[in-house]
Amino acid sequence: MKARCWLVVTLLATTTVLQGCEFGRRYINKPWGKGTYIPAAVCAVVGGVGGAAIESNGFTGESIRSGDSCATVNEVRHCQHDSPDYPPAVAIGAVGGALLCGLAGHYLWDPEETATPPPPPPPTPAPLPPPVSRKIVLRGVHFDFDRSEIRSDSRPVLDEAASALKENSNVRISVEGHTDNVGSDAYNEKLSVRRAEAVFRYMVNQGISPERMEVIGYGESRPVADNDTDSGRAQNRRVELHVVNQASGAPH
């Protein structure tokens, strides 16, 4: 009878614990681990020992009731162990202790399973810097007196201008010829056109499309220096290259 009481008490205690709402929520989502197995093993041993003590004390000096099928205490114990209705108190204590302590340990010490957080999104790559276009620097070239042939010292200047124009295919230029004030206006205007045409042909030979250039002769009308000195007149005998159109955002 006391063995049965031990089993009933154990089951009632377990049921009471499981009825807690917070425990139920934590219990469902937690994996079984060391927090369950170690307390269950310890309490199984303790419960078994306790069950053995209960079984021993429960039958010592117990009187034999009339009508029992076992006449002696030894026979009662023998019948108690053999009957399927009276499981051994040792087994009941071990199972009950393991169940109670295992559930309690699972609740108290087994970690809750948490979802692995998704990896952080990759950092947004920094925007690429805009392509750097080569700045177009178009320097003028100079000519000898009353001549329209390009001097050898002017070729590197024109080669540099052609290279810049190739890298900026959207650019159109004006090729503008000029003279000093020696000679008539009509003559100087024609001479300025011949000088501009000489530069135009040189640029075409360097691979610049003729459609990207226009030729203008200004004669002596736009001096940049004093025509009263030799050095001033030498500066006025020139051809200038000017950008006349360029896409938005391109360097000038």
Protein backbone atom coordinates (compact mmCIF):
# COMPACT_ATOMS: atom_id res chain seq x y z
CA MET A 1 0.00 0.00 0.00
CA LYS A 2 2.76 2.44 0.84
CA ALA A 3 4.44 1.65 -2.46
CA ARG A 4 1.26 2.62 -4.24
CA CYS A 5 1.09 5.84 -2.24
CA TRP A 6 4.65 6.67 -3.28
CA LEU A 7 3.73 6.24 -6.95
CA VAL A 8 0.58 8.36 -6.59
CA VAL A 9 2.44 11.14 -4.81
CA THR A 10 5.15 11.15 -7.48
CA LEU A 11 2.67 11.36 -10.36
CA LEU A 12 0.65 14.07 -8.64
CA ALA A 13 3.76 16.17 -8.07
CA THR A 14 4.83 15.76 -11.69
CA THR A 15 1.37 16.70 -12.97
CA THR A 16 1.28 19.78 -10.77
CA VAL A 17 4.62 20.98 -12.08
CA LEU A 18 3.65 20.40 -15.70
CA GLN A 19 0.50 22.49 -15.27
CA GLY A 20 2.50 25.70 -14.94
CA CYS A 21 1.98 27.81 -18.07
CA GLU A 22 5.45 29.31 -18.12
CA PHE A 23 7.02 25.89 -17.62
CA GLY A 24 4.92 24.45 -20.43
CA ARG A 25 6.08 27.09 -22.86
CA ARG A 26 9.73 26.66 -21.94
CA TYR A 27 9.43 22.90 -21.85
CA ILE A 28 8.07 22.54 -25.37
CA ASN A 29 10.78 24.51 -27.14
CA LYS A 30 13.81 23.14 -25.28
CA PRO A 31 16.01 20.25 -26.42
CA TRP A 32 16.79 17.49 -23.95
CA GLY A 33 20.33 17.61 -22.66
CA LYS A 34 22.61 17.20 -19.66
CA GLY A 35 20.25 19.22 -17.51
CA THR A 36 17.75 16.37 -17.90
CA TYR A 37 19.90 13.24 -17.91
CA ILE A 38 22.18 13.93 -14.94
CA PRO A 39 19.43 14.86 -12.43
CA ALA A 40 17.30 11.96 -13.67
CA ALA A 41 20.13 9.48 -13.08
CA VAL A 42 20.88 10.83 -9.59
CA CYS A 43 17.23 10.87 -8.54
CA ALA A 44 16.67 7.38 -9.98
CA VAL A 45 19.28 6.06 -7.55
CA VAL A 46 17.89 8.09 -4.66
CA GLY A 47 14.31 7.08 -5.50
CA GLY A 48 15.25 3.43 -5.71
CA VAL A 49 16.92 3.55 -2.31
CA GLY A 50 13.90 5.36 -0.87
CA GLY A 51 11.54 2.82 -2.39
CA ALA A 52 13.52 -0.01 -0.90
CA ALA A 53 13.30 1.65 2.51
CA ILE A 54 9.56 2.12 2.18
CA GLU A 55 9.08 -1.50 1.13
CA SER A 56 11.16 -2.74 4.06
CA ASN A 57 9.48 -0.56 6.67
CA GLY A 58 6.01 -1.13 5.33
CA PHE A 59 5.98 -4.85 6.07
CA THR A 60 8.03 -5.12 9.28
CA GLY A 61 5.79 -6.14 12.22
CA GLU A 62 2.69 -5.87 10.01
CA SER A 63 -0.13 -8.11 11.25
CA ILE A 64 -1.64 -10.61 8.92
CA ARG A 65 -5.26 -9.81 8.30
CA SER A 66 -7.79 -12.57 8.28
CA GLY A 67 -8.72 -13.68 4.83
CA ASP A 68 -5.26 -12.95 3.29
CA SER A 69 -4.07 -15.73 1.10
CA CYS A 70 -0.55 -15.54 2.59
CA ALA A 71 -0.34 -16.86 6.14
CA THR A 72 3.06 -15.57 7.12
CA VAL A 73 5.05 -12.37 6.69
CA ASN A 74 7.50 -14.15 4.36
CA GLU A 75 4.64 -15.48 2.32
CA VAL A 76 3.10 -11.98 2.15
CA ARG A 77 6.37 -10.57 0.87
CA HIS A 78 6.63 -13.37 -1.62
CA CYS A 79 3.10 -12.76 -2.83
CA GLN A 80 3.70 -8.99 -2.92
CA HIS A 81 6.72 -9.39 -5.19
CA ASP A 82 5.05 -11.91 -7.42
CA SER A 83 1.75 -10.08 -7.88
CA PRO A 84 1.49 -7.83 -11.01
CA ASP A 85 -0.74 -5.48 -9.04
CA TYR A 86 2.08 -4.54 -6.65
CA PRO A 87 5.23 -3.52 -8.53
CA PRO A 88 8.41 -3.37 -6.46
CA ALA A 89 8.80 -0.13 -4.54
CA VAL A 90 12.42 0.09 -5.71
CA ALA A 91 11.34 0.35 -9.34
CA ILE A 92 8.58 2.81 -8.49
CA GLY A 93 10.98 5.05 -6.57
CA ALA A 94 13.61 4.92 -9.30
CA VAL A 95 11.17 5.71 -12.10
CA GLY A 96 9.38 8.41 -10.12
CA GLY A 97 12.60 10.07 -9.01
CA ALA A 98 14.05 9.97 -12.51
CA LEU A 99 10.87 11.43 -14.00
CA LEU A 100 10.51 14.22 -11.46
CA CYS A 101 14.15 15.28 -11.34
CA GLY A 102 14.59 14.87 -15.09
CA LEU A 103 11.70 17.21 -15.82
CA ALA A 104 12.81 19.68 -13.19
CA GLY A 105 16.38 19.63 -14.48
CA HIS A 106 15.16 20.03 -18.04
CA TYR A 107 13.19 23.09 -16.96
CA LEU A 108 15.98 24.64 -14.91
CA TRP A 109 19.22 23.82 -16.72
CA ASP A 110 18.66 22.74 -20.32
CA PRO A 111 19.17 25.79 -22.56
CA GLU A 112 16.32 26.89 -24.73
CA GLU A 113 16.77 26.38 -28.43
CA THR A 114 17.10 29.68 -30.20
CA ALA A 115 16.90 30.28 -33.90
CA THR A 116 20.18 31.13 -35.55
CA PRO A 117 19.97 34.78 -36.59
CA PRO A 118 20.39 35.34 -40.31
CA PRO A 119 23.77 36.66 -41.37
CA PRO A 120 23.93 40.44 -41.73
CA PRO A 121 23.44 41.72 -45.24
CA PRO A 122 26.64 42.40 -47.14
CA PRO A 123 27.75 46.00 -46.93
CA THR A 124 26.64 48.21 -49.77
CA PRO A 125 29.62 48.68 -52.07
CA ALA A 126 30.83 52.23 -52.33
CA PRO A 127 29.85 53.86 -55.63
CA LEU A 128 32.56 53.82 -58.20
CA PRO A 129 34.12 57.21 -58.85
CA PRO A 130 33.13 58.74 -62.18
CA PRO A 131 35.60 58.08 -64.96
CA VAL A 132 38.22 60.75 -65.14
CA SER A 133 38.42 62.30 -68.55
CA ARG A 134 41.60 63.86 -69.70
CA LYS A 135 41.45 67.61 -69.54
CA ILE A 136 41.71 69.10 -72.97
CA VAL A 137 44.44 71.71 -73.19
CA LEU A 138 44.66 73.13 -76.68
CA ARG A 139 47.66 75.36 -77.05
CA GLY A 140 48.27 77.47 -80.08
CA VAL A 141 51.13 77.08 -82.55
CA HIS A 142 53.17 79.78 -84.20
CA PHE A 143 54.41 80.41 -87.75
CA ASP A 144 57.29 82.12 -89.45
CA PHE A 145 56.75 85.45 -91.15
CA ASP A 146 54.51 85.22 -94.24
CA ARG A 147 54.51 81.43 -94.06
CA SER A 148 51.76 78.83 -93.53
CA GLU A 149 53.89 75.71 -93.07
CA ILE A 150 53.81 74.10 -89.61
CA ARG A 151 57.15 74.41 -87.83
CA SER A 152 58.80 71.33 -86.38
CA ASP A 153 58.60 72.72 -82.85
CA SER A 154 54.81 72.95 -83.21
CA ARG A 155 54.22 69.27 -84.05
CA PRO A 156 54.46 67.97 -80.44
CA VAL A 157 51.87 70.55 -79.42
CA LEU A 158 49.47 69.40 -82.14
CA ASP A 159 50.16 65.73 -81.37
CA GLU A 160 49.15 66.34 -77.74
CA ALA A 161 45.96 68.08 -78.86
CA ALA A 162 45.10 65.17 -81.21
CA SER A 163 45.59 62.65 -78.39
CA ALA A 164 43.24 64.63 -76.12
CA LEU A 165 40.60 64.82 -78.84
CA LYS A 166 40.75 61.06 -79.41
CA GLU A 167 39.99 60.46 -75.74
CA ASN A 168 37.05 62.89 -75.88
CA SER A 169 35.20 61.94 -79.02
CA ASN A 170 32.23 64.23 -78.23
CA VAL A 171 34.32 67.38 -78.58
CA ARG A 172 34.31 69.65 -81.61
CA ILE A 173 36.88 72.39 -82.09
CA SER A 174 37.46 75.50 -84.12
CA VAL A 175 40.82 75.95 -85.83
CA GLU A 176 41.41 79.73 -85.87
CA GLY A 177 44.21 81.35 -87.89
CA HIS A 178 45.75 84.78 -87.15
CA THR A 179 48.46 87.08 -88.56
CA ASP A 180 50.40 90.17 -87.57
CA ASN A 181 49.56 93.56 -89.10
CA VAL A 182 52.19 93.52 -91.83
CA GLY A 183 50.43 93.51 -95.21
CA SER A 184 46.93 94.31 -96.34
CA ASP A 185 43.86 93.16 -94.51
CA ALA A 186 42.72 91.01 -97.43
CA TYR A 187 46.09 89.32 -97.77
CA ASN A 188 46.36 88.68 -94.05
CA GLU A 189 42.88 87.18 -93.93
CA LYS A 190 43.78 84.68 -96.68
CA LEU A 191 47.09 83.92 -94.96
CA SER A 192 45.29 83.23 -91.67
CA VAL A 193 42.96 80.79 -93.45
CA ARG A 194 45.93 78.97 -95.04
CA ARG A 195 47.56 78.61 -91.62
CA ALA A 196 44.33 77.26 -90.11
CA GLU A 197 43.94 74.81 -93.01
CA ALA A 198 47.51 73.55 -92.49
CA VAL A 199 46.67 72.69 -88.87
CA PHE A 200 43.35 71.18 -89.98
CA ARG A 201 45.13 68.80 -92.39
CA TYR A 202 47.66 67.85 -89.75
CA MET A 203 44.93 66.92 -87.28
CA VAL A 204 43.10 64.86 -89.91
CA ASN A 205 46.32 62.96 -90.57
CA GLN A 206 46.48 62.25 -86.83
CA GLY A 207 43.06 60.55 -86.97
CA ILE A 208 40.71 63.40 -86.02
CA SER A 209 37.51 63.39 -88.08
CA PRO A 210 37.10 66.47 -90.33
CA GLU A 211 33.48 66.78 -89.13
CA ARG A 212 34.77 67.63 -85.66
CA MET A 213 36.67 70.72 -86.83
CA GLU A 214 35.84 74.06 -88.44
CA VAL A 215 38.37 76.43 -90.02
CA ILE A 216 38.22 80.18 -89.43
CA GLY A 217 40.63 82.92 -90.54
CA TYR A 218 40.63 86.17 -88.55
CA GLY A 219 43.58 87.86 -90.30
CA GLU A 220 45.11 90.63 -88.18
CA SER A 221 41.86 91.54 -86.40
CA ARG A 222 42.58 89.72 -83.08
CA PRO A 223 46.14 90.40 -81.94
CA VAL A 224 47.33 89.10 -78.58
CA ALA A 225 50.46 91.22 -78.45
CA ASP A 226 51.80 94.57 -79.65
CA ASN A 227 52.44 94.56 -83.40
CA ASP A 228 55.05 97.35 -83.00
CA THR A 229 57.74 94.86 -81.88
CA ASP A 230 59.19 91.76 -83.47
CA SER A 231 58.32 89.59 -80.47
CA GLY A 232 54.76 90.92 -80.43
CA ARG A 233 54.27 90.25 -84.13
CA ALA A 234 55.69 86.70 -83.67
CA GLN A 235 53.05 85.98 -81.02
CA ASN A 236 50.29 87.21 -83.33
CA ARG A 237 51.33 84.84 -86.14
CA ARG A 238 49.51 81.84 -84.74
CA VAL A 239 46.73 79.23 -84.95
CA GLU A 240 44.55 78.62 -81.90
CA LEU A 241 42.41 75.55 -81.15
CA HIS A 242 39.18 76.17 -79.21
CA VAL A 243 36.50 73.80 -77.95
CA VAL A 244 33.16 74.84 -79.47
CA ASN A 245 30.92 72.16 -77.94
CA GLN A 246 31.25 69.44 -75.34
CA ALA A 247 28.85 67.07 -73.53
CA SER A 248 27.61 68.14 -70.09
CA GLY A 249 30.07 67.27 -67.34
CA ALA A 250 33.08 66.85 -69.65
CA PRO A 251 36.13 68.95 -68.78
CA HIS A 252 36.90 72.14 -70.73
